[in-house]
Amino acid sequence: MDVIMEVWNWVSTNWTIVLEIVGFFALVATMTPNQTDDEIMNHVMKGINFLGANLGKAANDPEK
């Protein structure tokens, strides 16, 4: 539980950095339409879903 609180405190303190990182990857994904960056973004989204406890029915639709 302490680890989760530490991560939450870091994210809440550095939320602009987190948004910039996500925005950067979104920009790269739209500018380079190839499978490599799509695969990287899929790994990032899997990590975000894991950290957000988006499991089972709460997970994002893989068809979109």
N, C-alpha and C. Protein backbone atom coordinates (compact mmCIF):
# COMPACT_ATOMS: atom_id res chain seq x y z
N MET A 1 0.82 -1.19 0.00
CA MET A 1 0.00 0.00 0.00
C MET A 1 0.87 1.25 0.00
N ASP A 2 2.01 1.19 0.66
CA ASP A 2 2.90 2.34 0.70
C ASP A 2 3.43 2.68 -0.69
N VAL A 3 3.69 1.66 -1.50
CA VAL A 3 4.20 1.88 -2.85
C VAL A 3 3.15 2.61 -3.68
N ILE A 4 1.90 2.20 -3.56
CA ILE A 4 0.81 2.85 -4.30
C ILE A 4 0.70 4.32 -3.88
N MET A 5 0.81 4.59 -2.61
CA MET A 5 0.72 5.97 -2.14
C MET A 5 1.91 6.80 -2.63
N GLU A 6 3.09 6.20 -2.67
CA GLU A 6 4.27 6.91 -3.18
C GLU A 6 4.10 7.24 -4.65
N VAL A 7 3.60 6.28 -5.44
CA VAL A 7 3.36 6.52 -6.87
C VAL A 7 2.31 7.60 -7.02
N TRP A 8 1.22 7.51 -6.27
CA TRP A 8 0.15 8.51 -6.34
C TRP A 8 0.68 9.90 -5.98
N ASN A 9 1.47 9.99 -4.94
CA ASN A 9 2.04 11.29 -4.54
C ASN A 9 2.96 11.84 -5.63
N TRP A 10 3.77 10.98 -6.25
CA TRP A 10 4.65 11.44 -7.31
C TRP A 10 3.85 11.94 -8.51
N VAL A 11 2.84 11.17 -8.91
CA VAL A 11 2.02 11.56 -10.06
C VAL A 11 1.27 12.85 -9.77
N SER A 12 0.70 12.98 -8.58
CA SER A 12 -0.04 14.20 -8.26
C SER A 12 0.88 15.41 -8.15
N THR A 13 2.11 15.21 -7.75
CA THR A 13 3.07 16.30 -7.68
C THR A 13 3.59 16.67 -9.06
N ASN A 14 3.79 15.69 -9.94
CA ASN A 14 4.38 15.90 -11.26
C ASN A 14 3.38 15.64 -12.38
N TRP A 15 2.14 16.01 -12.19
CA TRP A 15 1.11 15.69 -13.19
C TRP A 15 1.37 16.35 -14.53
N THR A 16 2.02 17.49 -14.56
CA THR A 16 2.32 18.12 -15.85
C THR A 16 3.31 17.29 -16.65
N ILE A 17 4.28 16.70 -15.97
CA ILE A 17 5.26 15.85 -16.64
C ILE A 17 4.56 14.62 -17.21
N VAL A 18 3.66 14.02 -16.43
CA VAL A 18 2.93 12.84 -16.89
C VAL A 18 2.11 13.18 -18.13
N LEU A 19 1.41 14.32 -18.11
CA LEU A 19 0.62 14.73 -19.27
C LEU A 19 1.49 15.01 -20.49
N GLU A 20 2.65 15.59 -20.28
CA GLU A 20 3.56 15.85 -21.39
C GLU A 20 4.06 14.55 -22.01
N ILE A 21 4.37 13.57 -21.19
CA ILE A 21 4.84 12.28 -21.70
C ILE A 21 3.74 11.60 -22.51
N VAL A 22 2.52 11.57 -21.98
CA VAL A 22 1.41 10.95 -22.71
C VAL A 22 1.14 11.71 -24.00
N GLY A 23 1.17 13.03 -23.94
CA GLY A 23 0.96 13.85 -25.14
C GLY A 23 2.03 13.62 -26.19
N PHE A 24 3.27 13.47 -25.74
CA PHE A 24 4.37 13.21 -26.68
C PHE A 24 4.15 11.89 -27.41
N PHE A 25 3.82 10.84 -26.66
CA PHE A 25 3.59 9.54 -27.30
C PHE A 25 2.38 9.58 -28.23
N ALA A 26 1.35 10.33 -27.87
CA ALA A 26 0.19 10.46 -28.74
C ALA A 26 0.57 11.18 -30.03
N LEU A 27 1.40 12.20 -29.93
CA LEU A 27 1.86 12.93 -31.11
C LEU A 27 2.71 12.03 -32.01
N VAL A 28 3.61 11.27 -31.43
CA VAL A 28 4.44 10.35 -32.20
C VAL A 28 3.58 9.31 -32.90
N ALA A 29 2.57 8.80 -32.21
CA ALA A 29 1.71 7.77 -32.79
C ALA A 29 0.92 8.31 -33.98
N THR A 30 0.52 9.57 -33.93
CA THR A 30 -0.25 10.11 -35.05
C THR A 30 0.63 10.51 -36.21
N MET A 31 1.86 10.89 -35.95
CA MET A 31 2.75 11.35 -37.02
C MET A 31 3.45 10.21 -37.74
N THR A 32 3.59 9.07 -37.11
CA THR A 32 4.29 7.94 -37.71
C THR A 32 3.38 6.73 -37.74
N PRO A 33 2.59 6.58 -38.80
CA PRO A 33 1.64 5.47 -38.86
C PRO A 33 2.31 4.14 -39.21
N ASN A 34 2.97 3.55 -38.25
CA ASN A 34 3.57 2.22 -38.47
C ASN A 34 3.28 1.33 -37.27
N GLN A 35 3.62 0.08 -37.38
CA GLN A 35 3.28 -0.89 -36.34
C GLN A 35 4.17 -0.77 -35.10
N THR A 36 5.39 -0.24 -35.25
CA THR A 36 6.31 -0.18 -34.13
C THR A 36 5.80 0.76 -33.04
N ASP A 37 5.42 1.98 -33.41
CA ASP A 37 4.95 2.91 -32.39
C ASP A 37 3.59 2.49 -31.84
N ASP A 38 2.77 1.83 -32.66
CA ASP A 38 1.50 1.31 -32.16
C ASP A 38 1.74 0.26 -31.09
N GLU A 39 2.76 -0.57 -31.31
CA GLU A 39 3.09 -1.60 -30.33
C GLU A 39 3.60 -0.98 -29.04
N ILE A 40 4.41 0.06 -29.14
CA ILE A 40 4.92 0.76 -27.95
C ILE A 40 3.76 1.36 -27.18
N MET A 41 2.83 2.01 -27.88
CA MET A 41 1.68 2.62 -27.22
C MET A 41 0.79 1.56 -26.58
N ASN A 42 0.68 0.40 -27.22
CA ASN A 42 -0.10 -0.68 -26.61
C ASN A 42 0.51 -1.13 -25.29
N HIS A 43 1.85 -1.20 -25.23
CA HIS A 43 2.52 -1.55 -23.98
C HIS A 43 2.29 -0.47 -22.93
N VAL A 44 2.36 0.79 -23.33
CA VAL A 44 2.12 1.90 -22.40
C VAL A 44 0.69 1.82 -21.88
N MET A 45 -0.27 1.60 -22.78
CA MET A 45 -1.68 1.51 -22.35
C MET A 45 -1.91 0.32 -21.43
N LYS A 46 -1.24 -0.79 -21.69
CA LYS A 46 -1.37 -1.94 -20.79
C LYS A 46 -0.86 -1.58 -19.40
N GLY A 47 0.26 -0.84 -19.35
CA GLY A 47 0.79 -0.40 -18.06
C GLY A 47 -0.15 0.55 -17.36
N ILE A 48 -0.73 1.49 -18.11
CA ILE A 48 -1.68 2.44 -17.52
C ILE A 48 -2.91 1.70 -17.02
N ASN A 49 -3.42 0.76 -17.81
CA ASN A 49 -4.58 -0.02 -17.38
C ASN A 49 -4.26 -0.84 -16.14
N PHE A 50 -3.05 -1.39 -16.07
CA PHE A 50 -2.66 -2.17 -14.90
C PHE A 50 -2.60 -1.28 -13.66
N LEU A 51 -1.94 -0.12 -13.80
CA LEU A 51 -1.83 0.79 -12.65
C LEU A 51 -3.19 1.35 -12.24
N GLY A 52 -4.08 1.51 -13.22
CA GLY A 52 -5.41 2.00 -12.92
C GLY A 52 -6.38 0.90 -12.51
N ALA A 53 -5.90 -0.31 -12.39
CA ALA A 53 -6.70 -1.47 -12.02
C ALA A 53 -7.86 -1.67 -12.99
N ASN A 54 -7.65 -1.35 -14.27
CA ASN A 54 -8.65 -1.57 -15.30
C ASN A 54 -8.53 -3.00 -15.80
N LEU A 55 -9.14 -3.90 -15.07
CA LEU A 55 -9.04 -5.31 -15.38
C LEU A 55 -10.42 -5.85 -15.75
N GLY A 56 -10.43 -6.90 -16.52
CA GLY A 56 -11.69 -7.55 -16.87
C GLY A 56 -12.60 -6.65 -17.68
N LYS A 57 -13.83 -6.47 -17.22
CA LYS A 57 -14.82 -5.68 -17.94
C LYS A 57 -14.50 -4.19 -17.90
N ALA A 58 -13.67 -3.74 -16.96
CA ALA A 58 -13.33 -2.33 -16.87
C ALA A 58 -12.22 -1.93 -17.83
N ALA A 59 -11.58 -2.90 -18.49
CA ALA A 59 -10.47 -2.61 -19.41
C ALA A 59 -10.99 -1.93 -20.67
N ASN A 60 -10.10 -1.21 -21.35
CA ASN A 60 -10.45 -0.56 -22.62
C ASN A 60 -10.78 -1.61 -23.66
N ASP A 61 -11.65 -1.24 -24.60
CA ASP A 61 -12.05 -2.13 -25.67
C ASP A 61 -10.88 -2.35 -26.62
N PRO A 62 -10.39 -3.59 -26.79
CA PRO A 62 -9.23 -3.82 -27.65
C PRO A 62 -9.52 -3.58 -29.13
N GLU A 63 -10.79 -3.51 -29.52
CA GLU A 63 -11.16 -3.31 -30.92
C GLU A 63 -11.01 -1.86 -31.36
N LYS A 64 -10.85 -0.95 -30.41
CA LYS A 64 -10.75 0.48 -30.77
C LYS A 64 -9.35 0.95 -30.78
